[in-house]
Amino acid sequence: MPRLIIVTGAGSGIGRATAERFAAHGDGLVLAGRRPDRLDAAADALRAAGAAEVHTVPADLSDESGALRLHDHVEALGRPVDAVVCCAGGTVDAGDGHLKSIAAEWHDTYRANVLTAVLTVEALVPLLADAAGIVLYSSIAAYRGSAGTGGYGAAKAALHAYTHHLATRLGPRGISVNAIAPGYVAGTEFFGDRMTPAREALLIRQTAMGRAGTPQDVAGLAFFLCSPEGAYITSQIVQVNGGSQHGV
């Protein structure tokens, strides 16, 4: 029987590339995210490429009701979960700089980047197979800060502590828990219209390899960490940034 893999934020970018990598291995997939149209498009593309099993669960995973919807769908499949890869997240508008908008930015950023991972994992822990793998997504911003009021980098850094907590808690079951912290990855919606040619050139110059990362660069590591070959790697924050320095 194929493995069962849960991928959140699977409608685009790194999440979609991650789903494609697991599908290429013949794994069964449950794709979750906020945008049903993007999930359906990703699922259709995976099926057209030969994926044997793809389910979609439209859900806001920053809310417990969305996480419970995902849990119920997966439980109904009647078999244990072999891996959970939490790709959902992103930035939010910085607002007008007043205290109220700063508070809203931090709350919304925490919900989008921390609660989407925490609630997803906690909802699925009872359904995990022994020796399953969990991968959370951090960012280089957790190390060098982020734009706006800094909420995005701080939220991603919070996932590091949660990674270590989960690894210790679930280790007796043989479950590995790691986080991936990408640098600049081209071909995603992350920057929206905020990425200028000058900014992109700067980010690429900061790498040792002289190129931007791709979603596939990140997806390959997530697959490895959830494979038997990566099973003894746990409680690690792995940076995938082409050797980018921690400067601005």
Protein backbone atom coordinates (compact mmCIF):
# COMPACT_ATOMS: atom_id res chain seq x y z
CA MET A 1 0.00 0.00 0.00
CA PRO A 2 1.37 3.48 -0.83
CA ARG A 3 2.32 5.84 1.94
CA LEU A 4 -0.15 8.55 2.93
CA ILE A 5 1.35 12.06 2.91
CA ILE A 6 -0.34 15.28 4.06
CA VAL A 7 0.87 18.52 2.43
CA THR A 8 -0.53 21.86 3.53
CA GLY A 9 -0.25 25.00 1.42
CA ALA A 10 -0.17 22.63 -1.53
CA GLY A 11 -1.88 24.87 -4.06
CA SER A 12 1.22 26.69 -5.28
CA GLY A 13 4.94 27.27 -4.90
CA ILE A 14 6.94 25.11 -2.52
CA GLY A 15 3.84 23.26 -1.32
CA ARG A 16 2.86 22.22 -4.81
CA ALA A 17 6.43 21.18 -5.67
CA THR A 18 6.51 19.13 -2.47
CA ALA A 19 3.31 17.33 -3.42
CA GLU A 20 4.74 16.63 -6.88
CA ARG A 21 7.89 15.12 -5.37
CA PHE A 22 5.97 12.70 -3.17
CA ALA A 23 3.57 11.83 -6.00
CA ALA A 24 6.53 10.94 -8.22
CA HIS A 25 7.45 8.33 -5.61
CA GLY A 26 3.97 6.80 -5.83
CA ASP A 27 2.74 8.12 -2.49
CA GLY A 28 -0.90 8.89 -1.78
CA LEU A 29 -1.56 12.56 -1.06
CA VAL A 30 -3.95 14.74 0.89
CA LEU A 31 -3.58 18.37 -0.20
CA ALA A 32 -4.87 21.03 2.19
CA GLY A 33 -5.10 24.80 1.91
CA ARG A 34 -7.33 27.85 1.91
CA ARG A 35 -7.97 28.16 -1.85
CA PRO A 36 -10.12 25.38 -3.33
CA ASP A 37 -9.43 26.44 -6.91
CA ARG A 38 -5.66 26.20 -6.44
CA LEU A 39 -5.97 22.84 -4.67
CA ASP A 40 -8.16 21.44 -7.44
CA ALA A 41 -5.74 22.67 -10.11
CA ALA A 42 -2.80 21.07 -8.29
CA ALA A 43 -4.71 17.81 -7.81
CA ASP A 44 -5.74 17.70 -11.48
CA ALA A 45 -2.13 18.25 -12.57
CA LEU A 46 -0.90 15.50 -10.26
CA ARG A 47 -3.50 13.05 -11.56
CA ALA A 48 -2.63 13.95 -15.16
CA ALA A 49 1.00 13.21 -14.33
CA GLY A 50 0.04 9.76 -13.08
CA ALA A 51 -0.52 10.22 -9.34
CA ALA A 52 -2.50 7.25 -8.07
CA GLU A 53 -4.24 8.90 -5.11
CA VAL A 54 -4.90 12.58 -4.47
CA HIS A 55 -7.44 14.06 -2.05
CA THR A 56 -8.12 17.74 -1.41
CA VAL A 57 -9.31 19.38 1.79
CA PRO A 58 -10.07 23.11 1.51
CA ALA A 59 -9.55 24.49 5.01
CA ASP A 60 -8.22 27.47 6.93
CA LEU A 61 -5.67 25.66 9.07
CA SER A 62 -5.06 28.66 11.31
CA ASP A 63 -8.43 27.86 12.88
CA GLU A 64 -9.23 24.74 14.87
CA SER A 65 -12.34 24.03 12.80
CA GLY A 66 -10.19 23.82 9.66
CA ALA A 67 -7.70 21.52 11.37
CA LEU A 68 -10.55 19.30 12.59
CA ARG A 69 -11.94 19.15 9.04
CA LEU A 70 -8.56 17.89 7.86
CA HIS A 71 -8.41 15.37 10.72
CA ASP A 72 -11.87 14.01 9.93
CA HIS A 73 -11.12 13.62 6.22
CA VAL A 74 -7.85 11.80 6.90
CA GLU A 75 -9.37 9.60 9.60
CA ALA A 76 -12.09 8.51 7.14
CA LEU A 77 -9.39 7.16 4.81
CA GLY A 78 -8.81 4.45 7.39
CA ARG A 79 -5.04 4.22 7.40
CA PRO A 80 -2.18 5.89 9.26
CA VAL A 81 -0.39 9.02 8.10
CA ASP A 82 3.23 8.51 7.07
CA ALA A 83 4.29 12.14 6.75
CA VAL A 84 3.01 15.66 7.36
CA VAL A 85 4.67 18.54 5.52
CA CYS A 86 3.43 21.96 6.61
CA CYS A 87 4.08 24.41 3.78
CA ALA A 88 1.21 26.83 4.55
CA GLY A 89 2.27 30.34 5.55
CA GLY A 90 3.21 33.73 4.20
CA THR A 91 3.39 37.43 4.93
CA VAL A 92 0.54 39.82 5.67
CA ASP A 93 0.11 43.52 4.96
CA ALA A 94 2.12 45.75 7.28
CA GLY A 95 -0.67 48.30 7.71
CA ASP A 96 -0.23 52.01 8.42
CA GLY A 97 2.34 51.79 11.21
CA HIS A 98 -0.03 52.68 14.03
CA LEU A 99 -0.11 50.49 17.10
CA LYS A 100 -3.43 48.89 16.20
CA SER A 101 -2.21 47.85 12.75
CA ILE A 102 1.07 46.58 14.20
CA ALA A 103 -0.85 44.37 16.63
CA ALA A 104 -3.04 43.10 13.77
CA GLU A 105 0.02 42.36 11.63
CA TRP A 106 1.66 40.30 14.38
CA HIS A 107 -1.54 38.42 15.24
CA ASP A 108 -2.27 37.63 11.58
CA THR A 109 1.33 36.65 10.84
CA TYR A 110 1.40 34.32 13.84
CA ARG A 111 -1.84 32.69 12.76
CA ALA A 112 -0.66 32.26 9.16
CA ASN A 113 2.77 30.83 9.99
CA VAL A 114 2.60 29.25 13.44
CA LEU A 115 -0.97 28.14 14.06
CA THR A 116 -1.30 26.64 10.58
CA ALA A 117 1.54 24.29 11.50
CA VAL A 118 0.68 23.70 15.16
CA LEU A 119 -3.02 23.01 14.66
CA THR A 120 -2.38 20.78 11.64
CA VAL A 121 0.19 18.67 13.46
CA GLU A 122 -1.75 18.44 16.71
CA ALA A 123 -4.90 17.42 14.84
CA LEU A 124 -3.03 14.65 13.04
CA VAL A 125 -0.80 13.32 15.84
CA PRO A 126 -3.36 10.63 16.80
CA LEU A 127 -3.38 9.43 13.18
CA LEU A 128 0.40 9.28 12.66
CA ALA A 129 2.11 6.00 11.96
CA ASP A 130 5.05 5.09 14.14
CA ALA A 131 8.23 6.22 12.35
CA ALA A 132 6.31 8.93 10.47
CA GLY A 133 8.02 12.16 9.43
CA ILE A 134 6.99 15.76 10.12
CA VAL A 135 8.49 18.73 8.30
CA LEU A 136 7.69 22.34 9.16
CA TYR A 137 8.70 25.35 7.07
CA SER A 138 10.73 28.14 8.61
CA SER A 139 12.67 30.81 6.69
CA ILE A 140 16.01 32.56 6.51
CA ALA A 141 14.04 35.44 8.04
CA ALA A 142 14.06 33.56 11.35
CA TYR A 143 17.83 34.16 11.42
CA ARG A 144 18.19 37.63 9.97
CA GLY A 145 14.84 39.31 10.55
CA SER A 146 12.15 40.40 8.14
CA ALA A 147 10.55 43.50 6.69
CA GLY A 148 7.63 45.41 8.18
CA THR A 149 7.66 45.23 11.97
CA GLY A 150 9.53 41.92 12.01
CA GLY A 151 6.56 39.69 12.73
CA TYR A 152 7.24 37.23 9.92
CA GLY A 153 10.78 36.39 11.02
CA ALA A 154 9.66 36.11 14.63
CA ALA A 155 6.82 33.76 13.71
CA LYS A 156 9.14 31.50 11.75
CA ALA A 157 11.59 31.45 14.66
CA ALA A 158 8.76 30.25 16.91
CA LEU A 159 8.55 27.11 14.78
CA HIS A 160 12.11 26.22 15.77
CA ALA A 161 11.15 25.81 19.41
CA TYR A 162 8.05 23.84 18.40
CA THR A 163 10.20 21.57 16.21
CA HIS A 164 12.47 20.70 19.14
CA HIS A 165 9.48 20.19 21.45
CA LEU A 166 7.75 17.84 19.01
CA ALA A 167 10.92 15.89 18.27
CA THR A 168 11.39 15.14 21.96
CA ARG A 169 7.72 14.38 22.52
CA LEU A 170 7.25 12.09 19.51
CA GLY A 171 10.72 10.57 19.35
CA PRO A 172 9.76 7.52 21.45
CA ARG A 173 7.41 6.55 18.61
CA GLY A 174 10.22 6.82 16.06
CA ILE A 175 8.65 9.96 14.57
CA SER A 176 11.13 12.50 13.20
CA VAL A 177 10.41 16.24 13.30
CA ASN A 178 12.48 18.79 11.41
CA ALA A 179 12.14 22.26 9.93
CA ILE A 180 13.42 23.60 6.64
CA ALA A 181 14.47 27.26 6.43
CA PRO A 182 14.67 28.33 2.77
CA GLY A 183 16.37 31.44 1.52
CA TYR A 184 15.18 33.26 -1.61
CA VAL A 185 13.13 30.87 -3.74
CA ALA A 186 12.06 32.09 -7.17
CA GLY A 187 8.82 31.01 -8.83
CA THR A 188 6.57 31.45 -5.80
CA GLU A 189 3.89 33.95 -4.80
CA PHE A 190 5.69 34.90 -1.59
CA PHE A 191 6.91 38.34 -2.63
CA GLY A 192 3.91 39.24 -4.79
CA ASP A 193 4.63 42.52 -6.55
CA ARG A 194 7.24 43.54 -3.94
CA MET A 195 10.16 41.84 -5.69
CA THR A 196 12.03 44.32 -7.86
CA PRO A 197 14.84 43.33 -10.26
CA ALA A 198 17.33 45.13 -7.99
CA ARG A 199 16.14 43.28 -4.89
CA GLU A 200 16.27 39.94 -6.68
CA ALA A 201 19.78 40.62 -7.93
CA LEU A 202 20.89 41.46 -4.39
CA LEU A 203 19.44 38.25 -2.95
CA ILE A 204 21.13 36.18 -5.65
CA ARG A 205 24.49 37.94 -5.08
CA GLN A 206 24.28 36.97 -1.41
CA THR A 207 24.35 33.27 -2.29
CA ALA A 208 27.52 31.27 -2.74
CA MET A 209 26.05 29.49 -5.76
CA GLY A 210 25.02 32.58 -7.71
CA ARG A 211 21.42 31.59 -8.31
CA ALA A 212 18.00 31.70 -6.72
CA GLY A 213 16.56 28.59 -5.15
CA THR A 214 13.70 26.72 -6.79
CA PRO A 215 10.68 25.05 -5.18
CA GLN A 216 12.15 21.72 -6.27
CA ASP A 217 15.36 22.41 -4.30
CA VAL A 218 13.28 22.62 -1.13
CA ALA A 219 10.85 19.82 -1.97
CA GLY A 220 13.67 17.34 -2.46
CA LEU A 221 14.89 17.88 1.10
CA ALA A 222 11.39 17.48 2.53
CA PHE A 223 11.07 14.17 0.70
CA PHE A 224 14.43 12.96 2.03
CA LEU A 225 13.60 13.90 5.62
CA CYS A 226 10.41 11.81 5.35
CA SER A 227 12.20 8.82 3.82
CA PRO A 228 13.80 5.82 5.56
CA GLU A 229 17.22 7.27 4.70
CA GLY A 230 16.41 10.41 6.70
CA ALA A 231 14.66 8.71 9.59
CA TYR A 232 17.44 9.30 12.16
CA ILE A 233 17.56 13.04 11.44
CA THR A 234 15.32 14.85 13.91
CA SER A 235 15.07 18.13 15.87
CA GLN A 236 17.05 19.92 13.13
CA ILE A 237 16.54 23.27 11.40
CA VAL A 238 18.03 22.79 7.93
CA GLN A 239 18.81 25.89 5.88
CA VAL A 240 18.39 25.65 2.11
CA ASN A 241 19.65 28.94 0.74
CA GLY A 242 22.56 28.33 -1.65
CA GLY A 243 25.00 29.62 0.97
CA SER A 244 23.27 32.96 1.42
CA GLN A 245 24.83 35.11 4.12
CA HIS A 246 22.80 36.37 7.05
CA GLY A 247 23.27 40.02 6.17
CA VAL A 248 20.53 42.31 4.91
